[in-house]
Amino acid sequence: MASTSTTHHDEPPEEPTKEESALETARRQLQHAADHLNIDQNIVERLKHPKKVHEVTVPIERESGDVEVYTGYRAQHDSVRGPFKGGLRYHPDVTREECVGLGMWMTWKCAVMDIPFGGAKGGIAVNPKELTDDEKEQLTRRFTDELRAVIGPTKDIPAPDMGTDPQTMAWLMDAYSMQEGETIPGVVTGKPPIVGGSKGRDGAPGRSVAIITREVIDYYDKDIKETSVAIQGYGSVGSNAARLLDDWGANVVAVSDVNGGIYDPNGLDTHSIPSHHEQPEAVMGHEAPQTVSNDELLELNVDVVIPAAIGNVLSAENADEVVADIVVEGANGPTTTVASKIFAERGVPVIPDILANAGGVTVSYFEWLQDINRRSWSLERVNNELETEMLAAWEDVREEFEARDVTWRDAAYIVALSRIAEAHEARGLWP
């Protein structure tokens, strides 16, 4: 089996002089993958642009009596393989361009998992922490009404994202259903199970990160019981990945939240550390021999490091200081382009987000199937089906990685782009 010192000749392109936006990064990665394939450049050019971007005004009356007006977006990138699919985020920095770029990433993620969805992303430029629950509900219902004509179980299926949660999705489903005159649970995924959500959906991204981490540990001839792991971020993704890896015998030595992290070279009891959902910002309150900053955690002497919090944490400033043998991306976009180049030059495998954390969209697909068939699955079935899908995707990416002598990221994009391009060629272009 390959070793972690293997150098791949096809490296990511040079980093631009300014920081890339999500859209610029997505387009750059698309073109880089296309360069490895015999694909009609006209199809690549189409994929650099979204099919549609909807911009809406969302006014609400605050409890003070004042009317606030927010701007919402829904970027629908590509639907050649099925309905648009992607999250809705509530965050002050939401922009049209960000939604387009993230929607493109969803297209690749669905394709690499071979799920019959296309990519979309949306949100509202708002700080949800400044809203009461009633105001957030009012905002969600008004936003749903503004988008009602362009979403639906066979058109575009939103899901939770940054600043939104299962309750947000329940409000969205109810608002849409009330306007349509019938209960339509398939309009969104990530809902509470009591109203059509799937068991195992919340933990799915972390579970997929753990599954892929386990497989890559084995691929590089390491024993999981002798493998040390550091995880930045102890939210839904990080905590679920940590606990599963712990259960499978890995030595999880460090975890962190927004305030910093804890480190025990002998291993942490991950099940006793509250996740962010269970108790926000509780990691630093857990007893451990040492504390570390989030930056220091990424540079610990461990076998595997998993950035599972926010984007762009592995960059030109710290990529040379990362001593881990393997990087698995739990968060979306945690590695900048220049950091990817540095890791490639150093022979450090970086397993990309579009594969590692794809458990979320995969179980969303399961939820959609349950909704349209009006039949729920057991948690055991959900987890077993997720395991099967993740292992199939891993094998597809591994085959391209070995056959083409490229990075893991390139291999994942090649798998995705091949499927999307084939679908476009089969369907053709409307004259």
Protein backbone atom coordinates (compact mmCIF):
# COMPACT_ATOMS: atom_id res chain seq x y z
CA MET A 1 0.00 0.00 0.00
CA ALA A 2 1.15 3.57 -0.58
CA SER A 3 3.10 5.43 2.11
CA THR A 4 2.52 8.96 3.32
CA SER A 5 5.79 10.09 1.77
CA THR A 6 4.57 9.52 -1.78
CA THR A 7 4.91 12.68 -3.87
CA HIS A 8 2.30 13.43 -6.52
CA HIS A 9 3.41 15.28 -9.60
CA ASP A 10 0.13 17.03 -10.35
CA GLU A 11 -0.08 19.81 -7.80
CA PRO A 12 -2.73 22.46 -7.18
CA PRO A 13 -2.28 25.68 -9.14
CA GLU A 14 -0.40 28.66 -7.77
CA GLU A 15 -2.11 30.67 -5.05
CA PRO A 16 -3.37 34.05 -6.27
CA THR A 17 -2.01 37.15 -4.65
CA LYS A 18 -5.26 37.97 -2.89
CA GLU A 19 -7.46 35.72 -0.78
CA GLU A 20 -9.84 33.72 -2.93
CA SER A 21 -13.59 33.84 -2.50
CA ALA A 22 -15.56 30.60 -2.32
CA LEU A 23 -16.59 31.12 -5.95
CA GLU A 24 -13.04 31.72 -7.17
CA THR A 25 -11.82 28.64 -5.32
CA ALA A 26 -14.63 26.49 -6.69
CA ARG A 27 -13.92 27.62 -10.26
CA ARG A 28 -10.19 27.07 -9.82
CA GLN A 29 -10.74 23.53 -8.50
CA LEU A 30 -13.18 22.79 -11.32
CA GLN A 31 -10.71 23.82 -14.01
CA HIS A 32 -7.86 21.94 -12.33
CA ALA A 33 -9.88 18.72 -12.31
CA ALA A 34 -11.03 19.29 -15.91
CA ASP A 35 -7.40 19.52 -17.02
CA HIS A 36 -7.00 15.84 -16.09
CA LEU A 37 -9.99 14.73 -18.16
CA ASN A 38 -10.98 14.67 -21.80
CA ILE A 39 -14.08 16.82 -21.30
CA ASP A 40 -15.68 19.29 -23.65
CA GLN A 41 -14.48 22.70 -22.45
CA ASN A 42 -17.95 24.08 -23.22
CA ILE A 43 -19.37 21.90 -20.44
CA VAL A 44 -16.69 23.15 -18.06
CA GLU A 45 -17.56 26.71 -18.99
CA ARG A 46 -21.25 26.05 -18.21
CA LEU A 47 -20.31 24.63 -14.82
CA LYS A 48 -18.42 27.78 -13.87
CA HIS A 49 -21.77 29.58 -13.67
CA PRO A 50 -24.95 28.97 -11.66
CA LYS A 51 -28.16 28.16 -13.45
CA LYS A 52 -30.03 30.79 -11.42
CA VAL A 53 -29.53 33.05 -8.41
CA HIS A 54 -32.60 34.31 -6.59
CA GLU A 55 -32.27 37.46 -4.48
CA VAL A 56 -35.19 38.42 -2.26
CA THR A 57 -36.09 41.04 0.30
CA VAL A 58 -37.15 39.67 3.68
CA PRO A 59 -38.83 42.24 5.97
CA ILE A 60 -39.87 41.36 9.52
CA GLU A 61 -41.36 43.34 12.39
CA ARG A 62 -39.07 43.17 15.40
CA GLU A 63 -40.51 42.88 18.89
CA SER A 64 -39.58 46.55 19.38
CA GLY A 65 -42.11 47.43 16.67
CA ASP A 66 -39.40 48.42 14.18
CA VAL A 67 -39.34 46.84 10.74
CA GLU A 68 -36.00 45.36 9.68
CA VAL A 69 -35.33 44.42 6.07
CA TYR A 70 -32.86 41.66 5.25
CA THR A 71 -31.54 40.29 1.97
CA GLY A 72 -31.83 36.59 1.17
CA TYR A 73 -30.32 34.47 -1.58
CA ARG A 74 -30.76 31.06 -3.17
CA ALA A 75 -28.09 30.08 -5.70
CA GLN A 76 -29.02 27.09 -7.84
CA HIS A 77 -25.88 25.85 -9.54
CA ASP A 78 -26.61 22.69 -11.51
CA SER A 79 -29.48 20.21 -11.70
CA VAL A 80 -28.39 17.89 -14.53
CA ARG A 81 -28.37 14.88 -12.15
CA GLY A 82 -31.44 15.78 -10.09
CA PRO A 83 -33.09 18.48 -7.95
CA PHE A 84 -30.95 21.21 -6.44
CA LYS A 85 -29.77 20.43 -2.91
CA GLY A 86 -27.98 22.50 -0.30
CA GLY A 87 -28.12 24.33 2.97
CA LEU A 88 -29.57 27.65 4.11
CA ARG A 89 -27.38 29.72 6.38
CA TYR A 90 -28.17 32.72 8.57
CA HIS A 91 -25.00 34.77 8.96
CA PRO A 92 -24.05 38.46 8.61
CA ASP A 93 -21.50 37.69 5.89
CA VAL A 94 -23.85 35.83 3.52
CA THR A 95 -23.42 37.17 -0.01
CA ARG A 96 -24.54 36.26 -3.50
CA GLU A 97 -21.02 35.23 -4.51
CA GLU A 98 -20.55 33.03 -1.44
CA CYS A 99 -23.82 31.23 -2.13
CA VAL A 100 -22.80 30.58 -5.74
CA GLY A 101 -19.43 29.16 -4.72
CA LEU A 102 -20.88 26.96 -1.97
CA GLY A 103 -23.60 25.80 -4.34
CA MET A 104 -20.92 24.64 -6.76
CA TRP A 105 -19.25 22.66 -3.97
CA MET A 106 -22.59 20.97 -3.28
CA THR A 107 -22.77 19.91 -6.91
CA TRP A 108 -19.38 18.22 -6.62
CA LYS A 109 -20.24 16.67 -3.24
CA CYS A 110 -23.46 15.10 -4.51
CA ALA A 111 -21.69 13.82 -7.61
CA VAL A 112 -18.74 12.28 -5.77
CA MET A 113 -21.28 10.41 -3.59
CA ASP A 114 -23.26 9.49 -6.74
CA ILE A 115 -26.43 10.98 -5.23
CA PRO A 116 -29.09 12.09 -7.77
CA PHE A 117 -29.05 15.75 -6.70
CA GLY A 118 -27.50 18.92 -8.00
CA GLY A 119 -25.99 21.72 -5.94
CA ALA A 120 -27.48 24.82 -4.35
CA LYS A 121 -26.85 27.11 -1.40
CA GLY A 122 -28.71 30.00 0.13
CA GLY A 123 -29.15 32.15 3.15
CA ILE A 124 -29.94 35.50 4.70
CA ALA A 125 -27.45 38.18 5.64
CA VAL A 126 -28.43 38.38 9.32
CA ASN A 127 -26.94 37.67 12.72
CA PRO A 128 -29.38 35.08 14.16
CA LYS A 129 -27.99 35.64 17.67
CA GLU A 130 -29.57 39.09 17.58
CA LEU A 131 -33.04 37.65 16.91
CA THR A 132 -35.49 36.17 19.37
CA ASP A 133 -36.94 32.75 18.56
CA ASP A 134 -40.18 34.39 17.43
CA GLU A 135 -38.29 36.79 15.15
CA LYS A 136 -36.24 33.94 13.68
CA GLU A 137 -39.43 32.02 12.99
CA GLN A 138 -41.01 35.06 11.34
CA LEU A 139 -37.86 35.56 9.23
CA THR A 140 -37.87 31.90 8.14
CA ARG A 141 -41.53 31.86 7.21
CA ARG A 142 -41.27 35.07 5.18
CA PHE A 143 -38.12 33.83 3.45
CA THR A 144 -39.90 30.57 2.60
CA ASP A 145 -42.80 32.43 1.06
CA GLU A 146 -40.41 34.53 -1.07
CA LEU A 147 -38.74 31.34 -2.36
CA ARG A 148 -41.85 29.18 -2.57
CA ALA A 149 -42.02 29.14 -6.36
CA VAL A 150 -38.44 27.91 -6.78
CA ILE A 151 -38.15 25.26 -4.04
CA GLY A 152 -39.92 21.93 -3.61
CA PRO A 153 -39.22 18.20 -3.28
CA THR A 154 -38.59 17.83 -7.02
CA LYS A 155 -37.09 21.30 -7.58
CA ASP A 156 -34.77 22.43 -4.78
CA ILE A 157 -34.47 20.95 -1.29
CA PRO A 158 -32.90 23.15 1.41
CA ALA A 159 -31.25 21.88 4.60
CA PRO A 160 -29.70 23.32 7.79
CA ASP A 161 -26.40 25.14 7.65
CA MET A 162 -24.56 27.76 9.68
CA GLY A 163 -27.03 29.60 11.93
CA THR A 164 -29.96 27.31 11.13
CA ASP A 165 -31.07 24.02 12.68
CA PRO A 166 -33.80 21.34 12.60
CA GLN A 167 -36.32 23.77 14.11
CA THR A 168 -35.64 26.23 11.28
CA MET A 169 -36.32 23.46 8.78
CA ALA A 170 -39.57 22.56 10.56
CA TRP A 171 -40.76 26.16 10.24
CA LEU A 172 -39.78 26.19 6.57
CA MET A 173 -41.62 22.92 5.90
CA ASP A 174 -44.72 24.18 7.69
CA ALA A 175 -44.75 27.51 5.87
CA TYR A 176 -44.34 25.81 2.50
CA SER A 177 -46.95 23.16 3.29
CA MET A 178 -49.51 25.71 4.49
CA GLN A 179 -49.18 27.65 1.24
CA GLU A 180 -49.41 24.48 -0.85
CA GLY A 181 -52.43 23.20 1.07
CA GLU A 182 -50.91 19.83 1.98
CA THR A 183 -48.12 18.51 4.20
CA ILE A 184 -44.97 18.17 2.09
CA PRO A 185 -42.10 16.99 4.32
CA GLY A 186 -39.81 16.39 1.33
CA VAL A 187 -39.36 20.12 0.70
CA VAL A 188 -36.49 20.22 3.22
CA THR A 189 -34.16 17.81 4.97
CA GLY A 190 -32.59 18.07 8.40
CA LYS A 191 -36.01 18.33 10.08
CA PRO A 192 -36.84 16.86 13.50
CA PRO A 193 -37.78 13.16 13.09
CA ILE A 194 -41.25 13.85 14.51
CA VAL A 195 -42.13 15.78 11.32
CA GLY A 196 -40.39 13.61 8.76
CA GLY A 197 -36.72 14.03 9.58
CA SER A 198 -34.36 11.09 9.47
CA LYS A 199 -32.80 9.41 12.44
CA GLY A 200 -29.03 9.86 12.36
CA ARG A 201 -29.08 13.05 10.27
CA ASP A 202 -27.45 15.31 12.88
CA GLY A 203 -24.54 12.96 13.42
CA ALA A 204 -24.07 11.96 9.79
CA PRO A 205 -21.29 14.41 8.75
CA GLY A 206 -19.20 13.43 11.77
CA ARG A 207 -19.88 9.75 11.17
CA SER A 208 -18.71 10.02 7.57
CA VAL A 209 -15.55 11.85 8.67
CA ALA A 210 -14.84 8.99 11.09
CA ILE A 211 -15.49 6.33 8.42
CA ILE A 212 -13.18 7.99 5.89
CA THR A 213 -10.52 8.60 8.56
CA ARG A 214 -10.64 4.91 9.49
CA GLU A 215 -10.23 3.92 5.83
CA VAL A 216 -7.32 6.28 5.15
CA ILE A 217 -5.56 5.10 8.32
CA ASP A 218 -5.82 1.56 7.00
CA TYR A 219 -4.78 2.63 3.49
CA TYR A 220 -1.50 4.00 4.80
CA ASP A 221 -0.83 0.79 6.74
CA LYS A 222 -1.41 2.24 10.18
CA ASP A 223 -3.09 0.45 13.07
CA ILE A 224 -6.04 2.53 14.25
CA LYS A 225 -5.35 1.44 17.84
CA GLU A 226 -1.91 3.03 17.59
CA THR A 227 -3.08 6.17 15.78
CA SER A 228 -3.26 9.54 17.54
CA VAL A 229 -5.86 12.06 16.40
CA ALA A 230 -6.38 15.79 17.05
CA ILE A 231 -9.71 17.38 16.15
CA GLN A 232 -10.28 21.11 15.86
CA GLY A 233 -13.94 21.85 16.54
CA TYR A 234 -16.22 19.94 18.89
CA GLY A 235 -19.56 20.69 17.33
CA SER A 236 -21.73 18.14 15.56
CA VAL A 237 -19.01 17.08 13.11
CA GLY A 238 -16.04 17.04 15.46
CA SER A 239 -17.72 15.44 18.46
CA ASN A 240 -19.37 12.64 16.48
CA ALA A 241 -16.15 11.91 14.60
CA ALA A 242 -14.15 11.94 17.82
CA ARG A 243 -16.46 9.58 19.68
CA LEU A 244 -16.67 7.07 16.84
CA LEU A 245 -12.91 7.04 16.33
CA ASP A 246 -12.52 6.65 20.09
CA ASP A 247 -14.94 3.70 20.03
CA TRP A 248 -12.95 2.10 17.20
CA GLY A 249 -9.73 2.29 19.19
CA ALA A 250 -8.07 5.47 17.95
CA ASN A 251 -6.28 7.63 20.50
CA VAL A 252 -8.07 11.00 20.37
CA VAL A 253 -5.57 13.20 22.20
CA ALA A 254 -6.88 16.72 21.54
CA VAL A 255 -10.18 18.48 20.84
CA SER A 256 -11.18 22.13 20.86
CA ASP A 257 -14.01 24.62 20.59
CA VAL A 258 -14.06 28.35 19.88
CA ASN A 259 -12.22 29.15 23.13
CA GLY A 260 -9.36 26.68 22.69
CA GLY A 261 -8.59 23.04 23.26
CA ILE A 262 -7.47 20.36 25.68
CA TYR A 263 -4.64 17.90 25.13
CA ASP A 264 -3.77 14.59 26.77
CA PRO A 265 -1.11 12.51 24.98
CA ASN A 266 -2.54 9.43 26.72
CA GLY A 267 -5.97 10.02 25.17
CA LEU A 268 -9.19 11.78 26.11
CA ASP A 269 -12.50 10.25 27.15
CA THR A 270 -14.44 11.87 24.32
CA HIS A 271 -17.82 10.66 25.57
CA SER A 272 -17.39 12.63 28.80
CA ILE A 273 -16.65 15.91 26.96
CA PRO A 274 -19.90 17.76 26.12
CA SER A 275 -20.33 18.67 22.48
CA HIS A 276 -21.28 22.22 21.54
CA HIS A 277 -24.90 21.11 21.17
CA GLU A 278 -24.92 19.43 24.58
CA GLN A 279 -23.20 22.31 26.40
CA PRO A 280 -21.88 25.25 24.37
CA GLU A 281 -18.19 26.11 24.83
CA ALA A 282 -17.65 23.39 27.46
CA VAL A 283 -14.42 21.87 26.15
CA MET A 284 -12.08 24.10 28.14
CA GLY A 285 -13.93 23.23 31.32
CA HIS A 286 -13.04 19.56 30.97
CA GLU A 287 -10.08 18.35 33.03
CA ALA A 288 -6.96 17.59 31.00
CA PRO A 289 -3.17 17.79 31.52
CA GLN A 290 -2.69 20.58 28.99
CA THR A 291 -4.58 23.28 27.16
CA VAL A 292 -3.79 24.43 23.62
CA SER A 293 -4.99 27.16 21.32
CA ASN A 294 -6.84 26.26 18.16
CA ASP A 295 -3.74 27.15 16.15
CA GLU A 296 -1.51 25.00 18.36
CA LEU A 297 -3.84 22.03 18.05
CA LEU A 298 -3.26 21.89 14.30
CA GLU A 299 0.50 21.66 14.87
CA LEU A 300 0.50 18.90 17.50
CA ASN A 301 2.68 15.83 16.95
CA VAL A 302 -0.13 13.43 15.99
CA ASP A 303 -0.79 10.96 13.22
CA VAL A 304 -4.05 12.51 12.00
CA VAL A 305 -5.37 16.06 12.31
CA ILE A 306 -9.02 16.82 11.52
CA PRO A 307 -9.98 20.50 11.08
CA ALA A 308 -13.73 20.29 11.76
CA ALA A 309 -14.63 23.85 12.72
CA ILE A 310 -14.30 26.62 10.12
CA GLY A 311 -12.70 27.29 6.75
CA ASN A 312 -9.20 28.48 5.84
CA VAL A 313 -7.51 27.34 9.09
CA LEU A 314 -4.73 25.56 7.19
CA SER A 315 -2.93 28.24 5.21
CA ALA A 316 0.42 29.47 3.98
CA GLU A 317 1.21 30.62 7.51
CA ASN A 318 0.99 27.21 9.19
CA ALA A 319 1.04 24.45 6.54
CA ASP A 320 4.78 23.84 7.03
CA GLU A 321 4.25 23.59 10.79
CA VAL A 322 1.65 20.81 10.57
CA VAL A 323 3.48 17.61 11.53
CA ALA A 324 0.55 15.20 11.27
CA ASP A 325 0.97 12.44 8.68
CA ILE A 326 -2.60 12.78 7.41
CA VAL A 327 -5.15 15.63 7.19
CA VAL A 328 -8.86 14.84 6.95
CA GLU A 329 -11.12 17.81 6.21
CA GLY A 330 -14.13 17.75 8.52
CA ALA A 331 -15.13 21.36 7.92
CA ASN A 332 -15.95 22.86 4.53
CA GLY A 333 -12.89 24.44 2.92
CA PRO A 334 -10.45 24.33 5.86
CA THR A 335 -7.38 24.22 3.57
CA THR A 336 -6.42 27.14 1.37
CA THR A 337 -5.07 26.62 -2.14
CA VAL A 338 -1.50 27.47 -1.16
CA ALA A 339 -1.68 25.16 1.86
CA SER A 340 -2.89 22.37 -0.42
CA LYS A 341 0.15 22.99 -2.63
CA ILE A 342 2.49 22.88 0.35
CA PHE A 343 0.99 19.63 1.61
CA ALA A 344 1.28 18.11 -1.88
CA GLU A 345 4.94 19.09 -2.07
CA ARG A 346 5.55 17.60 1.37
CA GLY A 347 3.69 14.39 0.51
CA VAL A 348 1.06 14.91 3.23
CA PRO A 349 -2.27 13.35 2.17
CA VAL A 350 -5.24 15.72 2.51
CA ILE A 351 -8.61 13.97 2.28
CA PRO A 352 -11.04 16.58 0.90
CA ASP A 353 -14.25 17.81 2.49
CA ILE A 354 -16.42 16.85 -0.48
CA LEU A 355 -15.71 13.23 0.38
CA ALA A 356 -15.02 13.20 4.12
CA ASN A 357 -18.02 15.18 5.41
CA ALA A 358 -20.49 14.08 2.72
CA GLY A 359 -22.44 12.05 5.27
CA GLY A 360 -24.73 15.03 5.80
CA VAL A 361 -26.00 15.25 2.25
CA THR A 362 -26.06 11.45 1.98
CA VAL A 363 -28.41 11.05 4.94
CA SER A 364 -30.37 14.05 3.65
CA TYR A 365 -30.90 11.95 0.52
CA PHE A 366 -32.07 9.08 2.74
CA GLU A 367 -34.45 11.50 4.51
CA TRP A 368 -35.84 12.67 1.17
CA LEU A 369 -36.43 9.06 0.13
CA GLN A 370 -38.23 8.37 3.41
CA ASP A 371 -40.40 11.47 2.97
CA ILE A 372 -41.49 10.81 -0.59
CA ASN A 373 -42.19 7.14 0.25
CA ARG A 374 -43.84 8.01 3.59
CA ARG A 375 -41.84 5.31 5.35
CA SER A 376 -39.21 5.91 8.02
CA TRP A 377 -35.97 3.98 8.47
CA SER A 378 -34.43 2.74 11.71
CA LEU A 379 -31.21 4.34 12.95
CA GLU A 380 -29.43 1.05 12.30
CA ARG A 381 -30.54 1.06 8.68
CA VAL A 382 -29.51 4.69 8.21
CA ASN A 383 -26.05 4.03 9.63
CA ASN A 384 -25.60 0.84 7.63
CA GLU A 385 -26.68 2.53 4.39
CA LEU A 386 -24.35 5.46 5.12
CA GLU A 387 -21.43 3.09 5.71
CA THR A 388 -22.14 1.39 2.38
CA GLU A 389 -22.32 4.68 0.46
CA MET A 390 -19.18 6.12 2.09
CA LEU A 391 -17.14 3.00 1.34
CA ALA A 392 -18.32 3.00 -2.28
CA ALA A 393 -17.32 6.65 -2.71
CA TRP A 394 -13.99 6.01 -0.99
CA GLU A 395 -13.22 3.19 -3.43
CA ASP A 396 -14.15 5.34 -6.44
CA VAL A 397 -11.85 8.14 -5.28
CA ARG A 398 -9.06 5.72 -4.31
CA GLU A 399 -9.09 4.19 -7.80
CA GLU A 400 -8.62 7.60 -9.44
CA PHE A 401 -5.94 8.54 -6.88
CA GLU A 402 -3.90 5.46 -7.74
CA ALA A 403 -4.56 5.44 -11.48
CA ARG A 404 -3.71 9.10 -12.16
CA ASP A 405 -1.03 9.87 -9.57
CA VAL A 406 -2.86 12.99 -8.36
CA THR A 407 -3.76 14.40 -4.96
CA TRP A 408 -6.77 13.06 -3.07
CA ARG A 409 -8.60 16.32 -3.72
CA ASP A 410 -8.00 16.08 -7.45
CA ALA A 411 -9.13 12.45 -7.42
CA ALA A 412 -12.42 13.38 -5.74
CA TYR A 413 -13.06 16.21 -8.19
CA ILE A 414 -12.23 13.96 -11.13
CA VAL A 415 -14.83 11.43 -9.95
CA ALA A 416 -17.43 14.17 -9.51
CA LEU A 417 -16.72 16.04 -12.73
CA SER A 418 -16.71 12.86 -14.81
CA ARG A 419 -20.24 12.05 -13.65
CA ILE A 420 -21.55 15.57 -14.15
CA ALA A 421 -19.98 15.94 -17.59
CA GLU A 422 -21.37 12.58 -18.69
CA ALA A 423 -24.85 13.64 -17.60
CA HIS A 424 -24.54 16.94 -19.50
CA GLU A 425 -23.38 15.13 -22.61
CA ALA A 426 -26.31 12.71 -22.38
CA ARG A 427 -28.91 15.44 -21.91
CA GLY A 428 -27.41 17.91 -24.38
CA LEU A 429 -27.93 21.67 -24.54
CA TRP A 430 -31.38 23.20 -25.09
CA PRO A 431 -31.13 25.27 -28.30
